[in-house]
Amino acid sequence: MSEFIKEDGETKLSKWGNSNATRIPSNLVKELGWKDNENLSIKIENNSLVLKPTSHRPTNIHELFAGWKDDGKRDTEMNWGESKGNELKW
């Protein structure tokens, strides 16, 4: 997502039980990479609400595979066949 503040439409704060609720436009949710029913933390920062996913998402391949353990079932590289798209050449 861009570092500048992006205003893509408006939303309305509505009563929902004893709380209030608003809808987040789907284009913003898509740009953020959020999923349906995602848990979010909420806080006030500079007189604005800030929402952040509570689940950690890897930012690089090292974080993605940080807890990976080899199952020991392979002793050679697997052959996945011929390239069918825009795969990188090794």
N, C-alpha and C. Protein backbone atom coordinates (compact mmCIF):
# COMPACT_ATOMS: atom_id res chain seq x y z
N MET A 1 0.85 -1.17 0.00
CA MET A 1 0.00 0.00 0.00
C MET A 1 0.89 1.24 0.00
N SER A 2 0.41 2.28 -0.58
CA SER A 2 1.16 3.52 -0.67
C SER A 2 1.36 4.13 0.70
N GLU A 3 2.42 4.92 0.85
CA GLU A 3 2.72 5.58 2.12
C GLU A 3 1.83 6.80 2.35
N PHE A 4 1.23 7.35 1.30
CA PHE A 4 0.38 8.52 1.48
C PHE A 4 -1.02 8.09 1.88
N ILE A 5 -1.75 9.01 2.48
CA ILE A 5 -3.12 8.72 2.91
C ILE A 5 -4.01 8.68 1.69
N LYS A 6 -4.82 7.65 1.61
CA LYS A 6 -5.67 7.44 0.45
C LYS A 6 -7.12 7.54 0.90
N GLU A 7 -7.89 8.37 0.27
CA GLU A 7 -9.30 8.51 0.60
C GLU A 7 -10.12 8.01 -0.58
N ASP A 8 -10.60 6.78 -0.47
CA ASP A 8 -11.36 6.15 -1.55
C ASP A 8 -12.82 6.01 -1.16
N GLY A 9 -13.54 7.12 -1.11
CA GLY A 9 -14.95 7.05 -0.80
C GLY A 9 -15.22 7.40 0.64
N GLU A 10 -16.45 7.22 1.03
CA GLU A 10 -16.87 7.53 2.39
C GLU A 10 -17.61 6.34 2.96
N THR A 11 -17.73 6.34 4.27
CA THR A 11 -18.50 5.31 4.95
C THR A 11 -19.27 6.00 6.07
N LYS A 12 -20.21 5.32 6.64
CA LYS A 12 -21.08 5.92 7.65
C LYS A 12 -20.96 5.15 8.95
N LEU A 13 -20.88 5.84 10.06
CA LEU A 13 -20.87 5.23 11.38
C LEU A 13 -22.32 5.01 11.80
N SER A 14 -22.68 3.75 12.07
CA SER A 14 -24.06 3.40 12.40
C SER A 14 -24.12 2.67 13.74
N LYS A 15 -25.26 2.77 14.39
CA LYS A 15 -25.49 2.08 15.65
C LYS A 15 -25.61 0.58 15.38
N TRP A 16 -24.96 -0.23 16.23
CA TRP A 16 -25.03 -1.69 16.10
C TRP A 16 -25.04 -2.24 17.52
N GLY A 17 -26.23 -2.48 18.06
CA GLY A 17 -26.36 -2.90 19.45
C GLY A 17 -25.92 -1.75 20.35
N ASN A 18 -25.05 -2.04 21.31
CA ASN A 18 -24.52 -1.01 22.19
C ASN A 18 -23.25 -0.37 21.63
N SER A 19 -22.86 -0.77 20.45
CA SER A 19 -21.64 -0.26 19.82
C SER A 19 -21.98 0.49 18.55
N ASN A 20 -20.96 0.88 17.83
CA ASN A 20 -21.12 1.49 16.50
C ASN A 20 -20.34 0.65 15.50
N ALA A 21 -20.73 0.75 14.25
CA ALA A 21 -20.07 -0.04 13.20
C ALA A 21 -19.99 0.79 11.92
N THR A 22 -19.07 0.40 11.06
CA THR A 22 -18.94 1.01 9.74
C THR A 22 -18.49 -0.06 8.76
N ARG A 23 -18.66 0.19 7.50
CA ARG A 23 -18.22 -0.73 6.47
C ARG A 23 -16.94 -0.22 5.84
N ILE A 24 -16.03 -1.13 5.53
CA ILE A 24 -14.79 -0.77 4.86
C ILE A 24 -14.96 -1.14 3.38
N PRO A 25 -14.79 -0.18 2.48
CA PRO A 25 -14.96 -0.48 1.05
C PRO A 25 -14.09 -1.65 0.60
N SER A 26 -14.66 -2.52 -0.23
CA SER A 26 -13.96 -3.74 -0.64
C SER A 26 -12.66 -3.46 -1.40
N ASN A 27 -12.59 -2.33 -2.12
CA ASN A 27 -11.33 -2.05 -2.84
C ASN A 27 -10.19 -1.77 -1.86
N LEU A 28 -10.50 -1.17 -0.70
CA LEU A 28 -9.47 -0.92 0.30
C LEU A 28 -9.06 -2.22 0.98
N VAL A 29 -10.03 -3.08 1.28
CA VAL A 29 -9.74 -4.38 1.89
C VAL A 29 -8.85 -5.19 0.96
N LYS A 30 -9.17 -5.18 -0.32
CA LYS A 30 -8.38 -5.92 -1.32
C LYS A 30 -6.96 -5.36 -1.40
N GLU A 31 -6.82 -4.05 -1.43
CA GLU A 31 -5.49 -3.42 -1.52
C GLU A 31 -4.64 -3.76 -0.30
N LEU A 32 -5.27 -3.87 0.86
CA LEU A 32 -4.55 -4.21 2.08
C LEU A 32 -4.23 -5.70 2.19
N GLY A 33 -4.91 -6.51 1.37
CA GLY A 33 -4.69 -7.95 1.42
C GLY A 33 -5.38 -8.62 2.59
N TRP A 34 -6.40 -7.94 3.15
CA TRP A 34 -7.14 -8.51 4.27
C TRP A 34 -8.13 -9.55 3.77
N LYS A 35 -8.51 -10.45 4.65
CA LYS A 35 -9.46 -11.53 4.33
C LYS A 35 -10.75 -11.33 5.13
N ASP A 36 -11.83 -11.97 4.68
CA ASP A 36 -13.08 -11.95 5.43
C ASP A 36 -12.84 -12.51 6.83
N ASN A 37 -13.50 -11.94 7.81
CA ASN A 37 -13.44 -12.37 9.21
C ASN A 37 -12.06 -12.27 9.82
N GLU A 38 -11.20 -11.42 9.27
CA GLU A 38 -9.86 -11.23 9.82
C GLU A 38 -9.94 -10.51 11.16
N ASN A 39 -9.16 -10.95 12.13
CA ASN A 39 -9.10 -10.28 13.42
C ASN A 39 -8.23 -9.04 13.30
N LEU A 40 -8.74 -7.92 13.82
CA LEU A 40 -8.03 -6.65 13.73
C LEU A 40 -7.85 -6.05 15.12
N SER A 41 -6.71 -5.41 15.33
CA SER A 41 -6.55 -4.60 16.54
C SER A 41 -7.00 -3.19 16.17
N ILE A 42 -7.48 -2.45 17.15
CA ILE A 42 -7.96 -1.10 16.89
C ILE A 42 -7.41 -0.18 17.98
N LYS A 43 -6.91 0.99 17.57
CA LYS A 43 -6.41 1.97 18.54
C LYS A 43 -6.59 3.37 17.97
N ILE A 44 -6.46 4.34 18.86
CA ILE A 44 -6.53 5.74 18.46
C ILE A 44 -5.10 6.25 18.32
N GLU A 45 -4.83 6.88 17.18
CA GLU A 45 -3.51 7.45 16.91
C GLU A 45 -3.70 8.76 16.18
N ASN A 46 -3.21 9.85 16.76
CA ASN A 46 -3.37 11.19 16.16
C ASN A 46 -4.82 11.51 15.85
N ASN A 47 -5.71 11.21 16.79
CA ASN A 47 -7.14 11.48 16.67
C ASN A 47 -7.80 10.74 15.51
N SER A 48 -7.21 9.60 15.10
CA SER A 48 -7.79 8.75 14.06
C SER A 48 -7.79 7.30 14.55
N LEU A 49 -8.72 6.50 14.02
CA LEU A 49 -8.73 5.08 14.34
C LEU A 49 -7.74 4.37 13.42
N VAL A 50 -6.98 3.46 14.00
CA VAL A 50 -6.01 2.68 13.24
C VAL A 50 -6.37 1.21 13.41
N LEU A 51 -6.60 0.52 12.30
CA LEU A 51 -6.91 -0.92 12.31
C LEU A 51 -5.72 -1.67 11.74
N LYS A 52 -5.33 -2.76 12.42
CA LYS A 52 -4.22 -3.60 11.94
C LYS A 52 -4.58 -5.06 12.16
N PRO A 53 -4.24 -5.93 11.21
CA PRO A 53 -4.46 -7.37 11.43
C PRO A 53 -3.67 -7.83 12.66
N THR A 54 -4.27 -8.69 13.47
CA THR A 54 -3.57 -9.18 14.65
C THR A 54 -2.69 -10.37 14.33
N SER A 55 -2.94 -11.03 13.22
CA SER A 55 -2.09 -12.16 12.84
C SER A 55 -0.87 -11.63 12.09
N HIS A 56 0.28 -12.19 12.41
CA HIS A 56 1.52 -11.75 11.75
C HIS A 56 1.59 -12.37 10.35
N ARG A 57 1.89 -11.55 9.39
CA ARG A 57 2.08 -12.03 8.03
C ARG A 57 3.55 -11.90 7.67
N PRO A 58 4.14 -12.96 7.10
CA PRO A 58 5.55 -12.89 6.73
C PRO A 58 5.80 -11.78 5.73
N THR A 59 6.92 -11.09 5.89
CA THR A 59 7.28 -10.01 4.96
C THR A 59 8.38 -10.43 4.00
N ASN A 60 8.97 -11.61 4.24
CA ASN A 60 9.99 -12.12 3.32
C ASN A 60 10.02 -13.65 3.41
N ILE A 61 10.78 -14.27 2.54
CA ILE A 61 10.80 -15.74 2.48
C ILE A 61 11.40 -16.35 3.74
N HIS A 62 12.31 -15.62 4.40
CA HIS A 62 12.92 -16.15 5.63
C HIS A 62 11.88 -16.23 6.75
N GLU A 63 11.02 -15.24 6.87
CA GLU A 63 9.95 -15.29 7.86
C GLU A 63 8.93 -16.35 7.49
N LEU A 64 8.64 -16.48 6.20
CA LEU A 64 7.65 -17.45 5.73
C LEU A 64 8.03 -18.87 6.13
N PHE A 65 9.31 -19.21 6.01
CA PHE A 65 9.76 -20.57 6.29
C PHE A 65 10.55 -20.68 7.59
N ALA A 66 10.41 -19.72 8.49
CA ALA A 66 11.19 -19.69 9.73
C ALA A 66 11.02 -20.96 10.57
N GLY A 67 9.82 -21.50 10.65
CA GLY A 67 9.58 -22.68 11.48
C GLY A 67 9.57 -23.99 10.72
N TRP A 68 10.00 -23.98 9.47
CA TRP A 68 9.92 -25.18 8.63
C TRP A 68 10.90 -26.25 9.08
N LYS A 69 10.42 -27.48 9.16
CA LYS A 69 11.27 -28.63 9.50
C LYS A 69 11.19 -29.62 8.35
N ASP A 70 12.34 -30.09 7.90
CA ASP A 70 12.39 -31.08 6.82
C ASP A 70 11.83 -32.40 7.33
N ASP A 71 11.00 -33.05 6.51
CA ASP A 71 10.41 -34.32 6.93
C ASP A 71 11.33 -35.50 6.63
N GLY A 72 12.46 -35.25 5.95
CA GLY A 72 13.44 -36.30 5.68
C GLY A 72 13.02 -37.32 4.64
N LYS A 73 11.96 -37.06 3.87
CA LYS A 73 11.48 -38.03 2.89
C LYS A 73 12.14 -37.88 1.52
N ARG A 74 12.90 -36.81 1.33
CA ARG A 74 13.54 -36.60 0.03
C ARG A 74 15.04 -36.43 0.24
N ASP A 75 15.80 -37.04 -0.65
CA ASP A 75 17.23 -36.82 -0.59
C ASP A 75 17.75 -36.18 -1.87
N THR A 76 16.82 -35.87 -2.79
CA THR A 76 17.18 -35.17 -4.04
C THR A 76 16.12 -34.11 -4.31
N GLU A 77 16.44 -33.22 -5.23
CA GLU A 77 15.50 -32.18 -5.62
C GLU A 77 14.34 -32.80 -6.39
N MET A 78 13.13 -32.29 -6.18
CA MET A 78 11.95 -32.82 -6.88
C MET A 78 11.86 -32.25 -8.28
N ASN A 79 11.42 -33.07 -9.23
CA ASN A 79 11.22 -32.62 -10.61
C ASN A 79 9.75 -32.27 -10.78
N TRP A 80 9.48 -30.99 -11.02
CA TRP A 80 8.11 -30.53 -11.17
C TRP A 80 7.69 -30.46 -12.63
N GLY A 81 8.54 -30.91 -13.55
CA GLY A 81 8.20 -30.91 -14.97
C GLY A 81 8.64 -29.63 -15.67
N GLU A 82 8.23 -29.51 -16.91
CA GLU A 82 8.57 -28.35 -17.73
C GLU A 82 7.86 -27.09 -17.24
N SER A 83 8.48 -25.95 -17.49
CA SER A 83 7.86 -24.66 -17.15
C SER A 83 6.61 -24.47 -17.99
N LYS A 84 5.57 -23.91 -17.37
CA LYS A 84 4.32 -23.70 -18.09
C LYS A 84 3.91 -22.24 -18.09
N GLY A 85 4.66 -21.38 -17.41
CA GLY A 85 4.29 -19.99 -17.32
C GLY A 85 5.51 -19.10 -17.34
N ASN A 86 5.54 -18.19 -16.42
CA ASN A 86 6.65 -17.22 -16.34
C ASN A 86 7.59 -17.55 -15.19
N GLU A 87 7.86 -18.84 -14.96
CA GLU A 87 8.75 -19.25 -13.88
C GLU A 87 10.15 -18.70 -14.11
N LEU A 88 10.86 -18.48 -13.02
CA LEU A 88 12.24 -18.02 -13.13
C LEU A 88 13.13 -19.17 -13.60
N LYS A 89 14.10 -18.85 -14.42
CA LYS A 89 15.08 -19.84 -14.86
C LYS A 89 16.13 -20.00 -13.79
N TRP A 90 16.52 -21.21 -13.47
CA TRP A 90 17.53 -21.45 -12.44
C TRP A 90 18.86 -21.61 -13.08
